[in-house]
Amino acid sequence: MKVSNIDSDKAPKIEFPCPNYVIKIVGDDKDGYRDFVASVLAKYDSKVSTASFTEQPSKNGRFVSLTVRMHIEAESVLSALFEELKKSPMVKMVL
């Protein structure tokens, strides 16, 4: 049996601007978390609000995953958005 290596050059590339980019933010299920995430995301896409989120609580209820589709203009914008979210102690992971 032959096992092939995955060629990173053949991985799907994101084309910007990307009108329907999916971002998932995992953080503490605390007061202010959703509003904080929405305020950061709205800087990069004014159509984003807390109503834009799909939520998935963790099994123990300590964390919540917020998923949103948004318009991203460029890779540099995406990097800046990720960095801004990660600065908050409430945010545990951004995907």
N, C-alpha and C. Protein backbone atom coordinates (compact mmCIF):
# COMPACT_ATOMS: atom_id res chain seq x y z
N MET A 1 0.84 -1.17 0.00
CA MET A 1 0.00 0.00 0.00
C MET A 1 0.89 1.24 0.00
N LYS A 2 0.61 2.15 -0.89
CA LYS A 2 1.40 3.37 -1.01
C LYS A 2 0.68 4.49 -0.27
N VAL A 3 1.41 5.20 0.56
CA VAL A 3 0.86 6.34 1.27
C VAL A 3 1.47 7.59 0.67
N SER A 4 0.63 8.50 0.23
CA SER A 4 1.16 9.72 -0.38
C SER A 4 1.20 10.85 0.63
N ASN A 5 2.14 11.73 0.44
CA ASN A 5 2.23 12.93 1.27
C ASN A 5 1.23 13.96 0.77
N ILE A 6 0.70 14.72 1.69
CA ILE A 6 -0.21 15.79 1.30
C ILE A 6 0.63 16.96 0.81
N ASP A 7 0.33 17.42 -0.36
CA ASP A 7 1.06 18.53 -0.96
C ASP A 7 0.39 19.83 -0.53
N SER A 8 1.09 20.62 0.27
CA SER A 8 0.51 21.86 0.79
C SER A 8 0.21 22.86 -0.33
N ASP A 9 0.88 22.74 -1.48
CA ASP A 9 0.60 23.63 -2.60
C ASP A 9 -0.77 23.35 -3.21
N LYS A 10 -1.30 22.17 -2.95
CA LYS A 10 -2.61 21.81 -3.50
C LYS A 10 -3.74 22.04 -2.51
N ALA A 11 -3.41 22.54 -1.32
CA ALA A 11 -4.44 22.84 -0.34
C ALA A 11 -5.31 23.97 -0.86
N PRO A 12 -6.60 23.95 -0.53
CA PRO A 12 -7.47 25.02 -1.03
C PRO A 12 -7.02 26.38 -0.51
N LYS A 13 -7.01 27.34 -1.38
CA LYS A 13 -6.61 28.70 -1.03
C LYS A 13 -7.86 29.55 -0.84
N ILE A 14 -7.81 30.44 0.12
CA ILE A 14 -8.91 31.37 0.33
C ILE A 14 -8.69 32.56 -0.58
N GLU A 15 -9.70 32.91 -1.33
CA GLU A 15 -9.61 34.06 -2.21
C GLU A 15 -10.28 35.24 -1.54
N PHE A 16 -9.56 36.36 -1.50
CA PHE A 16 -10.09 37.57 -0.89
C PHE A 16 -10.40 38.58 -1.98
N PRO A 17 -11.44 39.39 -1.80
CA PRO A 17 -12.33 39.39 -0.65
C PRO A 17 -13.16 38.11 -0.59
N CYS A 18 -13.48 37.70 0.63
CA CYS A 18 -14.26 36.49 0.87
C CYS A 18 -15.58 36.90 1.52
N PRO A 19 -16.69 36.79 0.80
CA PRO A 19 -17.96 37.29 1.31
C PRO A 19 -18.65 36.41 2.35
N ASN A 20 -18.16 35.19 2.54
CA ASN A 20 -18.86 34.24 3.40
C ASN A 20 -17.88 33.45 4.26
N TYR A 21 -16.91 34.12 4.86
CA TYR A 21 -15.87 33.47 5.65
C TYR A 21 -16.45 33.03 6.99
N VAL A 22 -16.17 31.80 7.39
CA VAL A 22 -16.68 31.27 8.66
C VAL A 22 -15.61 31.39 9.73
N ILE A 23 -15.98 32.02 10.84
CA ILE A 23 -15.09 32.17 11.99
C ILE A 23 -15.76 31.55 13.20
N LYS A 24 -14.98 30.80 13.97
CA LYS A 24 -15.48 30.20 15.22
C LYS A 24 -14.62 30.73 16.35
N ILE A 25 -15.29 31.25 17.38
CA ILE A 25 -14.60 31.80 18.54
C ILE A 25 -15.08 31.05 19.77
N VAL A 26 -14.16 30.44 20.49
CA VAL A 26 -14.49 29.70 21.71
C VAL A 26 -14.02 30.52 22.90
N GLY A 27 -14.93 30.68 23.87
CA GLY A 27 -14.56 31.46 25.03
C GLY A 27 -15.42 31.15 26.24
N ASP A 28 -15.12 31.86 27.32
CA ASP A 28 -15.86 31.70 28.57
C ASP A 28 -17.30 32.13 28.39
N ASP A 29 -18.23 31.33 28.86
CA ASP A 29 -19.65 31.68 28.78
C ASP A 29 -19.98 32.62 29.94
N LYS A 30 -19.56 33.88 29.78
CA LYS A 30 -19.74 34.89 30.82
C LYS A 30 -20.45 36.11 30.23
N ASP A 31 -21.00 36.92 31.13
CA ASP A 31 -21.59 38.19 30.70
C ASP A 31 -20.52 39.01 29.98
N GLY A 32 -20.90 39.59 28.87
CA GLY A 32 -19.99 40.45 28.12
C GLY A 32 -19.23 39.76 27.01
N TYR A 33 -19.15 38.43 27.04
CA TYR A 33 -18.38 37.70 26.03
C TYR A 33 -18.97 37.90 24.63
N ARG A 34 -20.26 37.66 24.47
CA ARG A 34 -20.90 37.78 23.16
C ARG A 34 -20.81 39.22 22.64
N ASP A 35 -21.07 40.19 23.53
CA ASP A 35 -21.00 41.59 23.13
C ASP A 35 -19.58 41.98 22.72
N PHE A 36 -18.58 41.49 23.46
CA PHE A 36 -17.19 41.78 23.11
C PHE A 36 -16.86 41.23 21.72
N VAL A 37 -17.19 39.97 21.49
CA VAL A 37 -16.89 39.34 20.19
C VAL A 37 -17.61 40.09 19.08
N ALA A 38 -18.88 40.42 19.27
CA ALA A 38 -19.64 41.14 18.25
C ALA A 38 -19.03 42.51 17.97
N SER A 39 -18.57 43.20 19.01
CA SER A 39 -17.98 44.53 18.81
C SER A 39 -16.68 44.46 18.01
N VAL A 40 -15.88 43.44 18.25
CA VAL A 40 -14.64 43.27 17.48
C VAL A 40 -14.97 42.92 16.04
N LEU A 41 -15.84 41.94 15.83
CA LEU A 41 -16.16 41.51 14.47
C LEU A 41 -16.82 42.62 13.66
N ALA A 42 -17.65 43.45 14.31
CA ALA A 42 -18.35 44.53 13.61
C ALA A 42 -17.38 45.59 13.08
N LYS A 43 -16.20 45.69 13.65
CA LYS A 43 -15.18 46.61 13.13
C LYS A 43 -14.74 46.19 11.73
N TYR A 44 -14.84 44.90 11.45
CA TYR A 44 -14.36 44.35 10.18
C TYR A 44 -15.50 44.04 9.21
N ASP A 45 -16.71 43.89 9.73
CA ASP A 45 -17.90 43.67 8.90
C ASP A 45 -19.08 44.25 9.67
N SER A 46 -19.55 45.40 9.24
CA SER A 46 -20.59 46.14 9.98
C SER A 46 -21.92 45.38 10.09
N LYS A 47 -22.10 44.34 9.31
CA LYS A 47 -23.35 43.57 9.37
C LYS A 47 -23.38 42.56 10.52
N VAL A 48 -22.25 42.34 11.18
CA VAL A 48 -22.17 41.35 12.25
C VAL A 48 -22.71 41.94 13.55
N SER A 49 -23.54 41.14 14.23
CA SER A 49 -24.06 41.50 15.56
C SER A 49 -24.21 40.20 16.35
N THR A 50 -24.63 40.32 17.60
CA THR A 50 -24.83 39.11 18.40
C THR A 50 -25.90 38.21 17.78
N ALA A 51 -26.81 38.78 17.01
CA ALA A 51 -27.84 37.99 16.34
C ALA A 51 -27.26 37.14 15.21
N SER A 52 -26.05 37.46 14.77
CA SER A 52 -25.39 36.72 13.67
C SER A 52 -24.81 35.39 14.13
N PHE A 53 -24.66 35.19 15.44
CA PHE A 53 -23.97 34.02 15.96
C PHE A 53 -24.84 32.76 15.98
N THR A 54 -24.18 31.64 15.71
CA THR A 54 -24.72 30.33 16.03
C THR A 54 -23.93 29.90 17.25
N GLU A 55 -24.62 29.48 18.32
CA GLU A 55 -23.94 29.14 19.57
C GLU A 55 -23.97 27.65 19.84
N GLN A 56 -22.86 27.17 20.42
CA GLN A 56 -22.77 25.78 20.85
C GLN A 56 -22.09 25.76 22.22
N PRO A 57 -22.86 25.47 23.28
CA PRO A 57 -22.24 25.42 24.61
C PRO A 57 -21.40 24.16 24.78
N SER A 58 -20.40 24.24 25.66
CA SER A 58 -19.60 23.05 25.97
C SER A 58 -20.43 22.12 26.86
N LYS A 59 -19.97 20.90 27.01
CA LYS A 59 -20.70 19.92 27.82
C LYS A 59 -20.90 20.37 29.25
N ASN A 60 -19.90 21.01 29.81
CA ASN A 60 -20.01 21.44 31.21
C ASN A 60 -20.58 22.84 31.36
N GLY A 61 -20.83 23.52 30.23
CA GLY A 61 -21.43 24.84 30.27
C GLY A 61 -20.47 25.97 30.58
N ARG A 62 -19.21 25.67 30.73
CA ARG A 62 -18.23 26.71 31.07
C ARG A 62 -17.86 27.56 29.86
N PHE A 63 -17.85 26.94 28.68
CA PHE A 63 -17.46 27.63 27.46
C PHE A 63 -18.60 27.64 26.46
N VAL A 64 -18.50 28.55 25.50
CA VAL A 64 -19.46 28.58 24.41
C VAL A 64 -18.69 28.89 23.12
N SER A 65 -19.08 28.22 22.06
CA SER A 65 -18.49 28.44 20.75
C SER A 65 -19.45 29.29 19.94
N LEU A 66 -18.95 30.40 19.42
CA LEU A 66 -19.74 31.28 18.58
C LEU A 66 -19.24 31.14 17.15
N THR A 67 -20.15 30.82 16.24
CA THR A 67 -19.79 30.69 14.83
C THR A 67 -20.53 31.77 14.06
N VAL A 68 -19.82 32.42 13.15
CA VAL A 68 -20.42 33.49 12.36
C VAL A 68 -19.82 33.48 10.96
N ARG A 69 -20.63 33.83 9.98
CA ARG A 69 -20.16 34.02 8.61
C ARG A 69 -20.08 35.53 8.39
N MET A 70 -18.95 35.95 7.83
CA MET A 70 -18.77 37.39 7.63
C MET A 70 -17.94 37.69 6.40
N HIS A 71 -17.97 38.93 5.97
CA HIS A 71 -17.21 39.39 4.82
C HIS A 71 -15.81 39.79 5.29
N ILE A 72 -14.80 39.20 4.67
CA ILE A 72 -13.41 39.53 4.99
C ILE A 72 -12.75 40.06 3.72
N GLU A 73 -12.20 41.26 3.79
CA GLU A 73 -11.61 41.92 2.61
C GLU A 73 -10.26 41.35 2.19
N ALA A 74 -9.40 41.04 3.17
CA ALA A 74 -8.03 40.64 2.84
C ALA A 74 -7.46 39.77 3.95
N GLU A 75 -6.40 39.04 3.63
CA GLU A 75 -5.75 38.19 4.63
C GLU A 75 -5.22 39.02 5.80
N SER A 76 -4.74 40.22 5.52
CA SER A 76 -4.24 41.09 6.59
C SER A 76 -5.36 41.49 7.55
N VAL A 77 -6.56 41.66 7.04
CA VAL A 77 -7.73 41.98 7.87
C VAL A 77 -8.06 40.80 8.77
N LEU A 78 -8.01 39.61 8.19
CA LEU A 78 -8.29 38.40 8.96
C LEU A 78 -7.27 38.23 10.08
N SER A 79 -6.00 38.46 9.79
CA SER A 79 -4.96 38.36 10.82
C SER A 79 -5.18 39.37 11.93
N ALA A 80 -5.51 40.59 11.58
CA ALA A 80 -5.75 41.64 12.58
C ALA A 80 -6.95 41.29 13.45
N LEU A 81 -8.00 40.77 12.84
CA LEU A 81 -9.20 40.37 13.58
C LEU A 81 -8.86 39.26 14.58
N PHE A 82 -8.13 38.24 14.12
CA PHE A 82 -7.74 37.14 15.01
C PHE A 82 -6.92 37.65 16.18
N GLU A 83 -5.95 38.52 15.91
CA GLU A 83 -5.09 39.04 16.97
C GLU A 83 -5.88 39.85 17.99
N GLU A 84 -6.81 40.66 17.51
CA GLU A 84 -7.62 41.47 18.42
C GLU A 84 -8.49 40.59 19.32
N LEU A 85 -9.07 39.54 18.76
CA LEU A 85 -9.90 38.63 19.57
C LEU A 85 -9.05 37.90 20.61
N LYS A 86 -7.87 37.45 20.22
CA LYS A 86 -7.01 36.67 21.12
C LYS A 86 -6.47 37.47 22.30
N LYS A 87 -6.52 38.80 22.22
CA LYS A 87 -6.04 39.64 23.31
C LYS A 87 -6.93 39.54 24.55
N SER A 88 -8.18 39.15 24.36
CA SER A 88 -9.11 39.07 25.50
C SER A 88 -8.90 37.78 26.27
N PRO A 89 -8.85 37.86 27.61
CA PRO A 89 -8.75 36.64 28.41
C PRO A 89 -10.00 35.75 28.33
N MET A 90 -11.12 36.33 27.87
CA MET A 90 -12.36 35.53 27.72
C MET A 90 -12.27 34.59 26.52
N VAL A 91 -11.49 34.97 25.50
CA VAL A 91 -11.38 34.18 24.28
C VAL A 91 -10.31 33.13 24.45
N LYS A 92 -10.68 31.87 24.25
CA LYS A 92 -9.75 30.75 24.41
C LYS A 92 -9.18 30.27 23.09
N MET A 93 -9.96 30.39 22.01
CA MET A 93 -9.52 29.89 20.72
C MET A 93 -10.28 30.59 19.59
N VAL A 94 -9.57 30.88 18.49
CA VAL A 94 -10.20 31.45 17.31
C VAL A 94 -9.84 30.56 16.13
N LEU A 95 -10.85 30.09 15.43
CA LEU A 95 -10.64 29.20 14.28
C LEU A 95 -11.27 29.82 13.04
